[in-house]
Amino acid sequence: NQSVKAEGIAIARRMAASVHGRHVPNLRPMLDTQRYAREIIGINLAGRSGVLFANVKAKKQQAVKSKAEEEEEERLRQEQEQELELQQQRDYADEWEVRR
C-alpha cells in the first residue's frame, strides 16, 4: 500500500515537471449519482431498522449498565462497612459490660 502511494507521488511529480504535463487530460471519474442515491437509501433504511448503529447503542447501554452496577456495588460495600462498624461497636459495648 505504501509502495503504491509512493509510486503515485513519483508519477505525479514527473508529470508536473514535464513541459507536456498540461496536455494530460483530467483523470477524474464522472460523478455516479445513481450509486450515491442507492447508498443514501440503504443508509436511511438501516438507520430506521436500527441495524446500522446497533453496536454503538449496545456499547452505550453496556456502559450505562456497568455504571449502575458499579454504583450498586459501592452501595453494598458501604453497607457492609457500616454493618461491620456497628458489630465492632456492639462487641466493644458487650466487652465493657463484662468488665464492669
PDB file of N, CA and C in Angstrom:
ATOM      1  N   ASN A   1       0.826  -1.185   0.000  1.00  0.00           N
ATOM      2  CA  ASN A   1       0.000   0.000   0.000  1.00  0.00           C
ATOM      3  C   ASN A   1       0.876   1.257   0.000  1.00  0.00           C
ATOM      4  N   GLN A   2       1.899   1.278   0.838  1.00  0.00           N
ATOM      5  CA  GLN A   2       2.796   2.422   0.868  1.00  0.00           C
ATOM      6  C   GLN A   2       3.571   2.552  -0.444  1.00  0.00           C
ATOM      7  N   SER A   3       3.933   1.415  -1.026  1.00  0.00           N
ATOM      8  CA  SER A   3       4.688   1.467  -2.280  1.00  0.00           C
ATOM      9  C   SER A   3       3.822   2.022  -3.408  1.00  0.00           C
ATOM     10  N   VAL A   4       2.539   1.691  -3.411  1.00  0.00           N
ATOM     11  CA  VAL A   4       1.627   2.209  -4.432  1.00  0.00           C
ATOM     12  C   VAL A   4       1.490   3.721  -4.288  1.00  0.00           C
ATOM     13  N   LYS A   5       1.362   4.189  -3.053  1.00  0.00           N
ATOM     14  CA  LYS A   5       1.252   5.627  -2.812  1.00  0.00           C
ATOM     15  C   LYS A   5       2.530   6.342  -3.242  1.00  0.00           C
ATOM     16  N   ALA A   6       3.664   5.763  -2.919  1.00  0.00           N
ATOM     17  CA  ALA A   6       4.941   6.371  -3.294  1.00  0.00           C
ATOM     18  C   ALA A   6       5.085   6.437  -4.814  1.00  0.00           C
ATOM     19  N   GLU A   7       4.677   5.383  -5.492  1.00  0.00           N
ATOM     20  CA  GLU A   7       4.744   5.367  -6.960  1.00  0.00           C
ATOM     21  C   GLU A   7       3.813   6.417  -7.549  1.00  0.00           C
ATOM     22  N   GLY A   8       2.638   6.583  -6.954  1.00  0.00           N
ATOM     23  CA  GLY A   8       1.702   7.614  -7.428  1.00  0.00           C
ATOM     24  C   GLY A   8       2.276   9.007  -7.273  1.00  0.00           C
ATOM     25  N   ILE A   9       2.935   9.254  -6.154  1.00  0.00           N
ATOM     26  CA  ILE A   9       3.559  10.559  -5.932  1.00  0.00           C
ATOM     27  C   ILE A   9       4.678  10.788  -6.945  1.00  0.00           C
ATOM     28  N   ALA A  10       5.458   9.751  -7.213  1.00  0.00           N
ATOM     29  CA  ALA A  10       6.553   9.876  -8.181  1.00  0.00           C
ATOM     30  C   ALA A  10       6.015  10.184  -9.577  1.00  0.00           C
ATOM     31  N   ILE A  11       4.943   9.520  -9.968  1.00  0.00           N
ATOM     32  CA  ILE A  11       4.339   9.768 -11.282  1.00  0.00           C
ATOM     33  C   ILE A  11       3.808  11.195 -11.352  1.00  0.00           C
ATOM     34  N   ALA A  12       3.128  11.633 -10.281  1.00  0.00           N
ATOM     35  CA  ALA A  12       2.586  12.987 -10.260  1.00  0.00           C
ATOM     36  C   ALA A  12       3.699  14.027 -10.363  1.00  0.00           C
ATOM     37  N   ARG A  13       4.827  13.789  -9.707  1.00  0.00           N
ATOM     38  CA  ARG A  13       5.946  14.737  -9.778  1.00  0.00           C
ATOM     39  C   ARG A  13       6.549  14.772 -11.186  1.00  0.00           C
ATOM     40  N   ARG A  14       6.674  13.594 -11.799  1.00  0.00           N
ATOM     41  CA  ARG A  14       7.215  13.556 -13.164  1.00  0.00           C
ATOM     42  C   ARG A  14       6.286  14.289 -14.131  1.00  0.00           C
ATOM     43  N   MET A  15       4.974  14.092 -13.946  1.00  0.00           N
ATOM     44  CA  MET A  15       4.007  14.754 -14.830  1.00  0.00           C
ATOM     45  C   MET A  15       4.030  16.269 -14.607  1.00  0.00           C
ATOM     46  N   ALA A  16       4.157  16.697 -13.356  1.00  0.00           N
ATOM     47  CA  ALA A  16       4.172  18.129 -13.072  1.00  0.00           C
ATOM     48  C   ALA A  16       5.451  18.777 -13.575  1.00  0.00           C
ATOM     49  N   ALA A  17       6.554  18.047 -13.572  1.00  0.00           N
ATOM     50  CA  ALA A  17       7.832  18.599 -14.018  1.00  0.00           C
ATOM     51  C   ALA A  17       7.937  18.639 -15.533  1.00  0.00           C
ATOM     52  N   SER A  18       7.145  17.844 -16.206  1.00  0.00           N
ATOM     53  CA  SER A  18       7.222  17.770 -17.653  1.00  0.00           C
ATOM     54  C   SER A  18       6.588  19.008 -18.295  1.00  0.00           C
ATOM     55  N   VAL A  19       7.147  19.422 -19.417  1.00  0.00           N
ATOM     56  CA  VAL A  19       6.601  20.547 -20.173  1.00  0.00           C
ATOM     57  C   VAL A  19       5.240  20.169 -20.758  1.00  0.00           C
ATOM     58  N   HIS A  20       5.080  18.889 -21.038  1.00  0.00           N
ATOM     59  CA  HIS A  20       3.846  18.425 -21.677  1.00  0.00           C
ATOM     60  C   HIS A  20       2.780  18.026 -20.648  1.00  0.00           C
ATOM     61  N   GLY A  21       3.042  18.292 -19.372  1.00  0.00           N
ATOM     62  CA  GLY A  21       2.100  17.907 -18.320  1.00  0.00           C
ATOM     63  C   GLY A  21       0.750  18.575 -18.457  1.00  0.00           C
ATOM     64  N   ARG A  22       0.712  19.759 -19.038  1.00  0.00           N
ATOM     65  CA  ARG A  22      -0.572  20.451 -19.184  1.00  0.00           C
ATOM     66  C   ARG A  22      -1.456  19.803 -20.239  1.00  0.00           C
ATOM     67  N   HIS A  23      -0.885  18.926 -21.041  1.00  0.00           N
ATOM     68  CA  HIS A  23      -1.660  18.236 -22.068  1.00  0.00           C
ATOM     69  C   HIS A  23      -2.312  16.959 -21.548  1.00  0.00           C
ATOM     70  N   VAL A  24      -1.988  16.583 -20.327  1.00  0.00           N
ATOM     71  CA  VAL A  24      -2.565  15.367 -19.741  1.00  0.00           C
ATOM     72  C   VAL A  24      -4.033  15.643 -19.428  1.00  0.00           C
ATOM     73  N   PRO A  25      -4.919  14.788 -19.900  1.00  0.00           N
ATOM     74  CA  PRO A  25      -6.348  15.040 -19.657  1.00  0.00           C
ATOM     75  C   PRO A  25      -6.714  14.898 -18.179  1.00  0.00           C
ATOM     76  N   ASN A  26      -7.841  15.469 -17.828  1.00  0.00           N
ATOM     77  CA  ASN A  26      -8.359  15.361 -16.470  1.00  0.00           C
ATOM     78  C   ASN A  26      -8.729  13.903 -16.197  1.00  0.00           C
ATOM     79  N   LEU A  27      -8.210  13.335 -15.129  1.00  0.00           N
ATOM     80  CA  LEU A  27      -8.420  11.924 -14.858  1.00  0.00           C
ATOM     81  C   LEU A  27      -9.492  11.668 -13.806  1.00  0.00           C
ATOM     82  N   ARG A  28     -10.307  12.677 -13.511  1.00  0.00           N
ATOM     83  CA  ARG A  28     -11.367  12.482 -12.511  1.00  0.00           C
ATOM     84  C   ARG A  28     -12.524  11.703 -13.126  1.00  0.00           C
ATOM     85  N   PRO A  29     -13.016  10.695 -12.427  1.00  0.00           N
ATOM     86  CA  PRO A  29     -14.174   9.972 -12.960  1.00  0.00           C
ATOM     87  C   PRO A  29     -15.436  10.827 -12.819  1.00  0.00           C
ATOM     88  N   MET A  30     -16.397  10.528 -13.649  1.00  0.00           N
ATOM     89  CA  MET A  30     -17.663  11.263 -13.580  1.00  0.00           C
ATOM     90  C   MET A  30     -18.413  10.857 -12.314  1.00  0.00           C
ATOM     91  N   LEU A  31     -19.214  11.758 -11.784  1.00  0.00           N
ATOM     92  CA  LEU A  31     -19.980  11.514 -10.580  1.00  0.00           C
ATOM     93  C   LEU A  31     -21.123  10.557 -10.899  1.00  0.00           C
ATOM     94  N   ASP A  32     -21.192   9.456 -10.161  1.00  0.00           N
ATOM     95  CA  ASP A  32     -22.245   8.468 -10.363  1.00  0.00           C
ATOM     96  C   ASP A  32     -23.369   8.739  -9.359  1.00  0.00           C
ATOM     97  N   THR A  33     -24.360   9.512  -9.773  1.00  0.00           N
ATOM     98  CA  THR A  33     -25.438   9.902  -8.862  1.00  0.00           C
ATOM     99  C   THR A  33     -26.301   8.716  -8.465  1.00  0.00           C
ATOM    100  N   GLN A  34     -26.452   7.744  -9.358  1.00  0.00           N
ATOM    101  CA  GLN A  34     -27.270   6.577  -9.037  1.00  0.00           C
ATOM    102  C   GLN A  34     -26.658   5.771  -7.889  1.00  0.00           C
ATOM    103  N   ARG A  35     -25.346   5.651  -7.898  1.00  0.00           N
ATOM    104  CA  ARG A  35     -24.659   4.920  -6.826  1.00  0.00           C
ATOM    105  C   ARG A  35     -24.884   5.607  -5.487  1.00  0.00           C
ATOM    106  N   TYR A  36     -24.712   6.925  -5.453  1.00  0.00           N
ATOM    107  CA  TYR A  36     -24.908   7.654  -4.204  1.00  0.00           C
ATOM    108  C   TYR A  36     -26.360   7.594  -3.740  1.00  0.00           C
ATOM    109  N   ALA A  37     -27.293   7.614  -4.696  1.00  0.00           N
ATOM    110  CA  ALA A  37     -28.715   7.514  -4.336  1.00  0.00           C
ATOM    111  C   ALA A  37     -29.006   6.168  -3.684  1.00  0.00           C
ATOM    112  N   ARG A  38     -28.427   5.086  -4.236  1.00  0.00           N
ATOM    113  CA  ARG A  38     -28.618   3.764  -3.637  1.00  0.00           C
ATOM    114  C   ARG A  38     -28.016   3.698  -2.233  1.00  0.00           C
ATOM    115  N   GLU A  39     -26.850   4.288  -2.074  1.00  0.00           N
ATOM    116  CA  GLU A  39     -26.214   4.281  -0.753  1.00  0.00           C
ATOM    117  C   GLU A  39     -27.035   5.068   0.261  1.00  0.00           C
ATOM    118  N   ILE A  40     -27.581   6.206  -0.158  1.00  0.00           N
ATOM    119  CA  ILE A  40     -28.400   7.017   0.742  1.00  0.00           C
ATOM    120  C   ILE A  40     -29.633   6.247   1.174  1.00  0.00           C
ATOM    121  N   ILE A  41     -30.271   5.569   0.222  1.00  0.00           N
ATOM    122  CA  ILE A  41     -31.462   4.775   0.561  1.00  0.00           C
ATOM    123  C   ILE A  41     -31.094   3.658   1.531  1.00  0.00           C
ATOM    124  N   GLY A  42     -29.982   2.991   1.278  1.00  0.00           N
ATOM    125  CA  GLY A  42     -29.547   1.914   2.169  1.00  0.00           C
ATOM    126  C   GLY A  42     -29.235   2.406   3.569  1.00  0.00           C
ATOM    127  N   ILE A  43     -28.539   3.527   3.668  1.00  0.00           N
ATOM    128  CA  ILE A  43     -28.221   4.091   4.986  1.00  0.00           C
ATOM    129  C   ILE A  43     -29.490   4.509   5.704  1.00  0.00           C
ATOM    130  N   ASN A  44     -30.416   5.103   4.963  1.00  0.00           N
ATOM    131  CA  ASN A  44     -31.684   5.527   5.564  1.00  0.00           C
ATOM    132  C   ASN A  44     -32.454   4.326   6.113  1.00  0.00           C
ATOM    133  N   LEU A  45     -32.564   3.257   5.321  1.00  0.00           N
ATOM    134  CA  LEU A  45     -33.275   2.058   5.780  1.00  0.00           C
ATOM    135  C   LEU A  45     -32.570   1.407   6.969  1.00  0.00           C
ATOM    136  N   ALA A  46     -31.255   1.343   6.907  1.00  0.00           N
ATOM    137  CA  ALA A  46     -30.503   0.744   8.011  1.00  0.00           C
ATOM    138  C   ALA A  46     -30.651   1.573   9.283  1.00  0.00           C
ATOM    139  N   GLY A  47     -30.691   2.889   9.130  1.00  0.00           N
ATOM    140  CA  GLY A  47     -30.884   3.754  10.290  1.00  0.00           C
ATOM    141  C   GLY A  47     -32.257   3.576  10.917  1.00  0.00           C
ATOM    142  N   ARG A  48     -33.257   3.382  10.081  1.00  0.00           N
ATOM    143  CA  ARG A  48     -34.617   3.176  10.599  1.00  0.00           C
ATOM    144  C   ARG A  48     -34.763   1.828  11.299  1.00  0.00           C
ATOM    145  N   SER A  49     -34.094   0.821  10.770  1.00  0.00           N
ATOM    146  CA  SER A  49     -34.223  -0.514  11.366  1.00  0.00           C
ATOM    147  C   SER A  49     -33.375  -0.663  12.622  1.00  0.00           C
ATOM    148  N   GLY A  50     -32.404   0.234  12.803  1.00  0.00           N
ATOM    149  CA  GLY A  50     -31.555   0.170  13.986  1.00  0.00           C
ATOM    150  C   GLY A  50     -30.351  -0.735  13.821  1.00  0.00           C
ATOM    151  N   VAL A  51     -30.168  -1.287  12.642  1.00  0.00           N
ATOM    152  CA  VAL A  51     -29.055  -2.209  12.399  1.00  0.00           C
ATOM    153  C   VAL A  51     -27.741  -1.451  12.240  1.00  0.00           C
ATOM    154  N   LEU A  52     -27.797  -0.266  11.638  1.00  0.00           N
ATOM    155  CA  LEU A  52     -26.582   0.460  11.295  1.00  0.00           C
ATOM    156  C   LEU A  52     -25.764   0.842  12.522  1.00  0.00           C
ATOM    157  N   PHE A  53     -26.422   1.349  13.556  1.00  0.00           N
ATOM    158  CA  PHE A  53     -25.708   1.793  14.748  1.00  0.00           C
ATOM    159  C   PHE A  53     -26.020   0.916  15.950  1.00  0.00           C
ATOM    160  N   ALA A  54     -26.331  -0.335  15.719  1.00  0.00           N
ATOM    161  CA  ALA A  54     -26.682  -1.242  16.816  1.00  0.00           C
ATOM    162  C   ALA A  54     -25.500  -1.464  17.744  1.00  0.00           C
ATOM    163  N   ASN A  55     -24.301  -1.573  17.192  1.00  0.00           N
ATOM    164  CA  ASN A  55     -23.135  -1.815  18.057  1.00  0.00           C
ATOM    165  C   ASN A  55     -22.835  -0.600  18.927  1.00  0.00           C
ATOM    166  N   VAL A  56     -23.089   0.609  18.436  1.00  0.00           N
ATOM    167  CA  VAL A  56     -22.870   1.812  19.232  1.00  0.00           C
ATOM    168  C   VAL A  56     -23.870   1.860  20.378  1.00  0.00           C
ATOM    169  N   LYS A  57     -25.125   1.527  20.065  1.00  0.00           N
ATOM    170  CA  LYS A  57     -26.176   1.540  21.085  1.00  0.00           C
ATOM    171  C   LYS A  57     -25.899   0.486  22.150  1.00  0.00           C
ATOM    172  N   ALA A  58     -25.435  -0.676  21.724  1.00  0.00           N
ATOM    173  CA  ALA A  58     -25.137  -1.749  22.674  1.00  0.00           C
ATOM    174  C   ALA A  58     -24.008  -1.344  23.615  1.00  0.00           C
ATOM    175  N   LYS A  59     -22.975  -0.692  23.084  1.00  0.00           N
ATOM    176  CA  LYS A  59     -21.864  -0.251  23.930  1.00  0.00           C
ATOM    177  C   LYS A  59     -22.325   0.797  24.919  1.00  0.00           C
ATOM    178  N   LYS A  60     -23.213   1.691  24.464  1.00  0.00           N
ATOM    179  CA  LYS A  60     -23.719   2.736  25.356  1.00  0.00           C
ATOM    180  C   LYS A  60     -24.548   2.114  26.471  1.00  0.00           C
ATOM    181  N   GLN A  61     -25.411   1.166  26.119  1.00  0.00           N
ATOM    182  CA  GLN A  61     -26.222   0.501  27.139  1.00  0.00           C
ATOM    183  C   GLN A  61     -25.343  -0.275  28.107  1.00  0.00           C
ATOM    184  N   GLN A  62     -24.313  -0.901  27.595  1.00  0.00           N
ATOM    185  CA  GLN A  62     -23.400  -1.654  28.447  1.00  0.00           C
ATOM    186  C   GLN A  62     -22.669  -0.715  29.401  1.00  0.00           C
ATOM    187  N   ALA A  63     -22.274   0.456  28.907  1.00  0.00           N
ATOM    188  CA  ALA A  63     -21.595   1.428  29.767  1.00  0.00           C
ATOM    189  C   ALA A  63     -22.532   1.928  30.856  1.00  0.00           C
ATOM    190  N   VAL A  64     -23.795   2.185  30.496  1.00  0.00           N
ATOM    191  CA  VAL A  64     -24.773   2.636  31.481  1.00  0.00           C
ATOM    192  C   VAL A  64     -25.027   1.535  32.492  1.00  0.00           C
ATOM    193  N   LYS A  65     -25.124   0.296  32.002  1.00  0.00           N
ATOM    194  CA  LYS A  65     -25.363  -0.836  32.886  1.00  0.00           C
ATOM    195  C   LYS A  65     -24.180  -1.028  33.835  1.00  0.00           C
ATOM    196  N   SER A  66     -22.983  -0.948  33.302  1.00  0.00           N
ATOM    197  CA  SER A  66     -21.818  -1.156  34.156  1.00  0.00           C
ATOM    198  C   SER A  66     -21.702  -0.030  35.189  1.00  0.00           C
ATOM    199  N   LYS A  67     -22.093   1.182  34.810  1.00  0.00           N
ATOM    200  CA  LYS A  67     -22.056   2.282  35.765  1.00  0.00           C
ATOM    201  C   LYS A  67     -23.063   2.030  36.883  1.00  0.00           C
ATOM    202  N   ALA A  68     -24.258   1.558  36.523  1.00  0.00           N
ATOM    203  CA  ALA A  68     -25.263   1.249  37.534  1.00  0.00           C
ATOM    204  C   ALA A  68     -24.785   0.110  38.435  1.00  0.00           C
ATOM    205  N   GLU A  69     -24.136  -0.880  37.842  1.00  0.00           N
ATOM    206  CA  GLU A  69     -23.599  -1.994  38.625  1.00  0.00           C
ATOM    207  C   GLU A  69     -22.522  -1.513  39.588  1.00  0.00           C
ATOM    208  N   GLU A  70     -21.667  -0.610  39.124  1.00  0.00           N
ATOM    209  CA  GLU A  70     -20.620  -0.076  39.990  1.00  0.00           C
ATOM    210  C   GLU A  70     -21.232   0.689  41.166  1.00  0.00           C
ATOM    211  N   GLU A  71     -22.264   1.473  40.880  1.00  0.00           N
ATOM    212  CA  GLU A  71     -22.920   2.222  41.952  1.00  0.00           C
ATOM    213  C   GLU A  71     -23.554   1.270  42.968  1.00  0.00           C
ATOM    214  N   GLU A  72     -24.164   0.200  42.465  1.00  0.00           N
ATOM    215  CA  GLU A  72     -24.784  -0.785  43.355  1.00  0.00           C
ATOM    216  C   GLU A  72     -23.725  -1.482  44.210  1.00  0.00           C
ATOM    217  N   GLU A  73     -22.604  -1.845  43.596  1.00  0.00           N
ATOM    218  CA  GLU A  73     -21.522  -2.485  44.342  1.00  0.00           C
ATOM    219  C   GLU A  73     -20.963  -1.548  45.409  1.00  0.00           C
ATOM    220  N   GLU A  74     -20.817  -0.280  45.062  1.00  0.00           N
ATOM    221  CA  GLU A  74     -20.314   0.699  46.028  1.00  0.00           C
ATOM    222  C   GLU A  74     -21.282   0.846  47.196  1.00  0.00           C
ATOM    223  N   ARG A  75     -22.579   0.876  46.893  1.00  0.00           N
ATOM    224  CA  ARG A  75     -23.592   0.988  47.944  1.00  0.00           C
ATOM    225  C   ARG A  75     -23.550  -0.227  48.864  1.00  0.00           C
ATOM    226  N   LEU A  76     -23.434  -1.423  48.286  1.00  0.00           N
ATOM    227  CA  LEU A  76     -23.354  -2.648  49.089  1.00  0.00           C
ATOM    228  C   LEU A  76     -22.086  -2.669  49.941  1.00  0.00           C
ATOM    229  N   ARG A  77     -20.976  -2.220  49.373  1.00  0.00           N
ATOM    230  CA  ARG A  77     -19.727  -2.174  50.122  1.00  0.00           C
ATOM    231  C   ARG A  77     -19.837  -1.231  51.325  1.00  0.00           C
ATOM    232  N   GLN A  78     -20.462  -0.079  51.102  1.00  0.00           N
ATOM    233  CA  GLN A  78     -20.648   0.868  52.201  1.00  0.00           C
ATOM    234  C   GLN A  78     -21.555   0.296  53.279  1.00  0.00           C
ATOM    235  N   GLU A  79     -22.606  -0.413  52.860  1.00  0.00           N
ATOM    236  CA  GLU A  79     -23.497  -1.046  53.841  1.00  0.00           C
ATOM    237  C   GLU A  79     -22.748  -2.091  54.668  1.00  0.00           C
ATOM    238  N   GLN A  80     -21.899  -2.873  53.999  1.00  0.00           N
ATOM    239  CA  GLN A  80     -21.120  -3.884  54.708  1.00  0.00           C
ATOM    240  C   GLN A  80     -20.162  -3.237  55.700  1.00  0.00           C
ATOM    241  N   GLU A  81     -19.530  -2.138  55.295  1.00  0.00           N
ATOM    242  CA  GLU A  81     -18.633  -1.437  56.210  1.00  0.00           C
ATOM    243  C   GLU A  81     -19.396  -0.904  57.421  1.00  0.00           C
ATOM    244  N   GLN A  82     -20.591  -0.379  57.179  1.00  0.00           N
ATOM    245  CA  GLN A  82     -21.401   0.134  58.288  1.00  0.00           C
ATOM    246  C   GLN A  82     -21.806  -0.994  59.229  1.00  0.00           C
ATOM    247  N   GLU A  83     -22.196  -2.135  58.658  1.00  0.00           N
ATOM    248  CA  GLU A  83     -22.558  -3.298  59.481  1.00  0.00           C
ATOM    249  C   GLU A  83     -21.372  -3.755  60.328  1.00  0.00           C
ATOM    250  N   LEU A  84     -20.203  -3.808  59.705  1.00  0.00           N
ATOM    251  CA  LEU A  84     -19.003  -4.218  60.418  1.00  0.00           C
ATOM    252  C   LEU A  84     -18.685  -3.248  61.555  1.00  0.00           C
ATOM    253  N   GLU A  85     -18.820  -1.965  61.288  1.00  0.00           N
ATOM    254  CA  GLU A  85     -18.556  -0.965  62.317  1.00  0.00           C
ATOM    255  C   GLU A  85     -19.557  -1.081  63.466  1.00  0.00           C
ATOM    256  N   LEU A  86     -20.829  -1.294  63.145  1.00  0.00           N
ATOM    257  CA  LEU A  86     -21.839  -1.477  64.192  1.00  0.00           C
ATOM    258  C   LEU A  86     -21.548  -2.715  65.029  1.00  0.00           C
ATOM    259  N   GLN A  87     -21.149  -3.796  64.359  1.00  0.00           N
ATOM    260  CA  GLN A  87     -20.838  -5.033  65.080  1.00  0.00           C
ATOM    261  C   GLN A  87     -19.646  -4.825  66.007  1.00  0.00           C
ATOM    262  N   GLN A  88     -18.633  -4.089  65.554  1.00  0.00           N
ATOM    263  CA  GLN A  88     -17.479  -3.808  66.400  1.00  0.00           C
ATOM    264  C   GLN A  88     -17.885  -2.974  67.609  1.00  0.00           C
ATOM    265  N   GLN A  89     -18.790  -2.010  67.378  1.00  0.00           N
ATOM    266  CA  GLN A  89     -19.266  -1.188  68.497  1.00  0.00           C
ATOM    267  C   GLN A  89     -20.042  -2.033  69.501  1.00  0.00           C
ATOM    268  N   ARG A  90     -20.858  -2.962  69.011  1.00  0.00           N
ATOM    269  CA  ARG A  90     -21.620  -3.847  69.900  1.00  0.00           C
ATOM    270  C   ARG A  90     -20.672  -4.734  70.706  1.00  0.00           C
ATOM    271  N   ASP A  91     -19.678  -5.289  70.006  1.00  0.00           N
ATOM    272  CA  ASP A  91     -18.700  -6.140  70.694  1.00  0.00           C
ATOM    273  C   ASP A  91     -17.960  -5.353  71.770  1.00  0.00           C
ATOM    274  N   TYR A  92     -17.603  -4.128  71.468  1.00  0.00           N
ATOM    275  CA  TYR A  92     -16.908  -3.289  72.425  1.00  0.00           C
ATOM    276  C   TYR A  92     -17.807  -2.984  73.625  1.00  0.00           C
ATOM    277  N   ALA A  93     -19.098  -2.709  73.337  1.00  0.00           N
ATOM    278  CA  ALA A  93     -20.034  -2.435  74.431  1.00  0.00           C
ATOM    279  C   ALA A  93     -20.231  -3.669  75.294  1.00  0.00           C
ATOM    280  N   ASP A  94     -20.345  -4.838  74.689  1.00  0.00           N
ATOM    281  CA  ASP A  94     -20.504  -6.081  75.454  1.00  0.00           C
ATOM    282  C   ASP A  94     -19.266  -6.351  76.300  1.00  0.00           C
ATOM    283  N   GLU A  95     -18.123  -6.119  75.735  1.00  0.00           N
ATOM    284  CA  GLU A  95     -16.878  -6.333  76.450  1.00  0.00           C
ATOM    285  C   GLU A  95     -16.783  -5.346  77.644  1.00  0.00           C
ATOM    286  N   TRP A  96     -17.244  -4.159  77.463  1.00  0.00           N
ATOM    287  CA  TRP A  96     -17.239  -3.152  78.521  1.00  0.00           C
ATOM    288  C   TRP A  96     -18.175  -3.556  79.655  1.00  0.00           C
ATOM    289  N   GLU A  97     -19.331  -4.140  79.290  1.00  0.00           N
ATOM    290  CA  GLU A  97     -20.303  -4.586  80.299  1.00  0.00           C
ATOM    291  C   GLU A  97     -19.731  -5.746  81.122  1.00  0.00           C
ATOM    292  N   VAL A  98     -19.012  -6.624  80.458  1.00  0.00           N
ATOM    293  CA  VAL A  98     -18.441  -7.777  81.156  1.00  0.00           C
ATOM    294  C   VAL A  98     -17.401  -7.297  82.161  1.00  0.00           C
ATOM    295  N   ARG A  99     -16.620  -6.298  81.805  1.00  0.00           N
ATOM    296  CA  ARG A  99     -15.583  -5.791  82.686  1.00  0.00           C
ATOM    297  C   ARG A  99     -16.168  -5.069  83.907  1.00  0.00           C
ATOM    298  N   ARG A 100     -17.344  -4.534  83.807  1.00  0.00           N
ATOM    299  CA  ARG A 100     -17.940  -3.821  84.940  1.00  0.00           C
ATOM    300  C   ARG A 100     -18.382  -4.793  85.937  1.00  0.00           C
TER     301      ARG A 100
END
